[in-house]
Amino acid sequence: METPTFDRLDGLSLGATILLLVFAYVVYPDPLVKFTAWLIILTIYMTWFCYFGVKWLYDVYL
């Protein structure tokens, strides 16, 4: 079983993570904003991890 190819949702999750980090550390560097950004990034990561795992294990492309 080989690793599935990356698609637009993979890129979207990576782009959203980068944008959140830039906003939290460059645009508005407040501790509450940083904490909130990291919680949202954790949510994005866990959702992406489940999506990628389903693609890999079941060979399903949504």
N, C-alpha and C. Protein backbone atom coordinates (compact mmCIF):
# COMPACT_ATOMS: atom_id res chain seq x y z
N MET A 1 0.86 -1.17 0.00
CA MET A 1 0.00 0.00 0.00
C MET A 1 0.91 1.23 0.00
N GLU A 2 0.71 2.08 -0.98
CA GLU A 2 1.57 3.27 -1.11
C GLU A 2 0.88 4.50 -0.56
N THR A 3 1.67 5.52 -0.28
CA THR A 3 1.16 6.77 0.25
C THR A 3 0.31 7.47 -0.81
N PRO A 4 -0.88 7.97 -0.43
CA PRO A 4 -1.71 8.67 -1.42
C PRO A 4 -1.09 10.01 -1.81
N THR A 5 -1.47 10.48 -2.97
CA THR A 5 -0.95 11.76 -3.43
C THR A 5 -1.64 12.90 -2.68
N PHE A 6 -0.96 14.02 -2.62
CA PHE A 6 -1.53 15.18 -1.97
C PHE A 6 -2.53 15.85 -2.90
N ASP A 7 -3.60 16.36 -2.32
CA ASP A 7 -4.62 17.02 -3.12
C ASP A 7 -4.88 18.42 -2.56
N ARG A 8 -5.96 19.03 -3.01
CA ARG A 8 -6.23 20.43 -2.66
C ARG A 8 -6.54 20.61 -1.18
N LEU A 9 -7.13 19.63 -0.53
CA LEU A 9 -7.41 19.75 0.90
C LEU A 9 -6.14 19.69 1.74
N ASP A 10 -5.15 18.95 1.27
CA ASP A 10 -3.86 18.94 1.96
C ASP A 10 -3.21 20.31 1.88
N GLY A 11 -3.24 20.90 0.70
CA GLY A 11 -2.68 22.23 0.52
C GLY A 11 -3.46 23.29 1.28
N LEU A 12 -4.77 23.13 1.35
CA LEU A 12 -5.60 24.08 2.08
C LEU A 12 -5.28 24.05 3.57
N SER A 13 -5.09 22.87 4.13
CA SER A 13 -4.76 22.78 5.55
C SER A 13 -3.38 23.37 5.84
N LEU A 14 -2.44 23.13 4.96
CA LEU A 14 -1.11 23.71 5.14
C LEU A 14 -1.15 25.23 5.00
N GLY A 15 -1.88 25.73 4.01
CA GLY A 15 -2.00 27.17 3.82
C GLY A 15 -2.69 27.86 4.99
N ALA A 16 -3.75 27.24 5.50
CA ALA A 16 -4.46 27.83 6.64
C ALA A 16 -3.56 27.87 7.88
N THR A 17 -2.76 26.83 8.07
CA THR A 17 -1.84 26.81 9.19
C THR A 17 -0.81 27.92 9.08
N ILE A 18 -0.24 28.10 7.91
CA ILE A 18 0.76 29.15 7.71
C ILE A 18 0.14 30.52 7.91
N LEU A 19 -1.06 30.73 7.39
CA LEU A 19 -1.73 32.03 7.57
C LEU A 19 -2.04 32.31 9.03
N LEU A 20 -2.47 31.31 9.76
CA LEU A 20 -2.73 31.50 11.19
C LEU A 20 -1.46 31.86 11.95
N LEU A 21 -0.36 31.19 11.64
CA LEU A 21 0.89 31.50 12.32
C LEU A 21 1.39 32.89 11.99
N VAL A 22 1.27 33.31 10.74
CA VAL A 22 1.68 34.66 10.36
C VAL A 22 0.81 35.68 11.08
N PHE A 23 -0.49 35.45 11.14
CA PHE A 23 -1.37 36.39 11.82
C PHE A 23 -1.04 36.46 13.31
N ALA A 24 -0.82 35.31 13.94
CA ALA A 24 -0.61 35.28 15.38
C ALA A 24 0.76 35.80 15.80
N TYR A 25 1.79 35.68 14.97
CA TYR A 25 3.13 36.07 15.38
C TYR A 25 3.63 37.35 14.71
N VAL A 26 3.01 37.78 13.61
CA VAL A 26 3.48 38.97 12.91
C VAL A 26 2.45 40.09 12.96
N VAL A 27 1.22 39.79 12.61
CA VAL A 27 0.19 40.82 12.49
C VAL A 27 -0.31 41.28 13.87
N TYR A 28 -0.68 40.34 14.72
CA TYR A 28 -1.28 40.67 16.02
C TYR A 28 -0.69 39.77 17.10
N PRO A 29 0.54 40.04 17.54
CA PRO A 29 1.23 39.14 18.47
C PRO A 29 0.78 39.32 19.93
N ASP A 30 -0.39 38.86 20.23
CA ASP A 30 -0.93 38.89 21.59
C ASP A 30 -0.95 37.44 22.11
N PRO A 31 -0.68 37.22 23.39
CA PRO A 31 -0.66 35.84 23.90
C PRO A 31 -1.99 35.09 23.70
N LEU A 32 -3.10 35.79 23.86
CA LEU A 32 -4.39 35.12 23.65
C LEU A 32 -4.60 34.72 22.20
N VAL A 33 -4.16 35.57 21.28
CA VAL A 33 -4.27 35.26 19.85
C VAL A 33 -3.37 34.09 19.49
N LYS A 34 -2.17 34.06 20.06
CA LYS A 34 -1.25 32.94 19.79
C LYS A 34 -1.85 31.63 20.30
N PHE A 35 -2.40 31.64 21.51
CA PHE A 35 -2.99 30.44 22.07
C PHE A 35 -4.17 29.96 21.23
N THR A 36 -5.02 30.90 20.83
CA THR A 36 -6.17 30.54 20.00
C THR A 36 -5.74 29.99 18.65
N ALA A 37 -4.71 30.60 18.07
CA ALA A 37 -4.21 30.12 16.78
C ALA A 37 -3.70 28.69 16.91
N TRP A 38 -2.99 28.39 17.99
CA TRP A 38 -2.48 27.03 18.16
C TRP A 38 -3.60 26.02 18.39
N LEU A 39 -4.67 26.43 19.06
CA LEU A 39 -5.81 25.52 19.22
C LEU A 39 -6.49 25.24 17.88
N ILE A 40 -6.62 26.27 17.06
CA ILE A 40 -7.21 26.07 15.73
C ILE A 40 -6.29 25.20 14.87
N ILE A 41 -4.98 25.41 14.96
CA ILE A 41 -4.03 24.59 14.20
C ILE A 41 -4.10 23.14 14.65
N LEU A 42 -4.25 22.90 15.94
CA LEU A 42 -4.40 21.53 16.43
C LEU A 42 -5.65 20.88 15.85
N THR A 43 -6.74 21.63 15.79
CA THR A 43 -7.98 21.12 15.21
C THR A 43 -7.81 20.80 13.73
N ILE A 44 -7.16 21.71 13.01
CA ILE A 44 -6.89 21.48 11.58
C ILE A 44 -6.03 20.23 11.40
N TYR A 45 -4.99 20.10 12.23
CA TYR A 45 -4.10 18.95 12.11
C TYR A 45 -4.83 17.63 12.37
N MET A 46 -5.65 17.59 13.42
CA MET A 46 -6.36 16.34 13.74
C MET A 46 -7.37 15.98 12.66
N THR A 47 -8.04 16.98 12.10
CA THR A 47 -8.98 16.72 11.02
C THR A 47 -8.25 16.22 9.78
N TRP A 48 -7.13 16.87 9.46
CA TRP A 48 -6.34 16.45 8.29
C TRP A 48 -5.80 15.03 8.50
N PHE A 49 -5.33 14.73 9.71
CA PHE A 49 -4.77 13.41 10.00
C PHE A 49 -5.82 12.32 9.77
N CYS A 50 -7.04 12.54 10.21
CA CYS A 50 -8.12 11.56 9.99
C CYS A 50 -8.43 11.43 8.50
N TYR A 51 -8.51 12.56 7.81
CA TYR A 51 -8.80 12.55 6.37
C TYR A 51 -7.71 11.80 5.60
N PHE A 52 -6.45 12.09 5.90
CA PHE A 52 -5.33 11.44 5.21
C PHE A 52 -5.28 9.95 5.54
N GLY A 53 -5.59 9.60 6.79
CA GLY A 53 -5.61 8.19 7.17
C GLY A 53 -6.68 7.40 6.44
N VAL A 54 -7.85 8.00 6.27
CA VAL A 54 -8.92 7.33 5.53
C VAL A 54 -8.51 7.15 4.07
N LYS A 55 -7.90 8.19 3.48
CA LYS A 55 -7.43 8.06 2.09
C LYS A 55 -6.40 6.94 1.97
N TRP A 56 -5.51 6.85 2.94
CA TRP A 56 -4.43 5.88 2.87
C TRP A 56 -4.93 4.45 3.11
N LEU A 57 -5.72 4.27 4.14
CA LEU A 57 -6.13 2.91 4.50
C LEU A 57 -7.20 2.35 3.58
N TYR A 58 -8.14 3.18 3.16
CA TYR A 58 -9.27 2.67 2.40
C TYR A 58 -9.22 3.05 0.93
N ASP A 59 -8.20 3.78 0.54
CA ASP A 59 -8.02 4.19 -0.86
C ASP A 59 -9.26 4.91 -1.39
N VAL A 60 -9.80 5.79 -0.55
CA VAL A 60 -11.00 6.57 -0.89
C VAL A 60 -10.59 8.02 -1.03
N TYR A 61 -10.97 8.61 -2.14
CA TYR A 61 -10.68 10.02 -2.36
C TYR A 61 -11.99 10.78 -2.34
N LEU A 62 -12.13 11.62 -1.34
CA LEU A 62 -13.39 12.36 -1.16
C LEU A 62 -13.39 13.62 -1.98
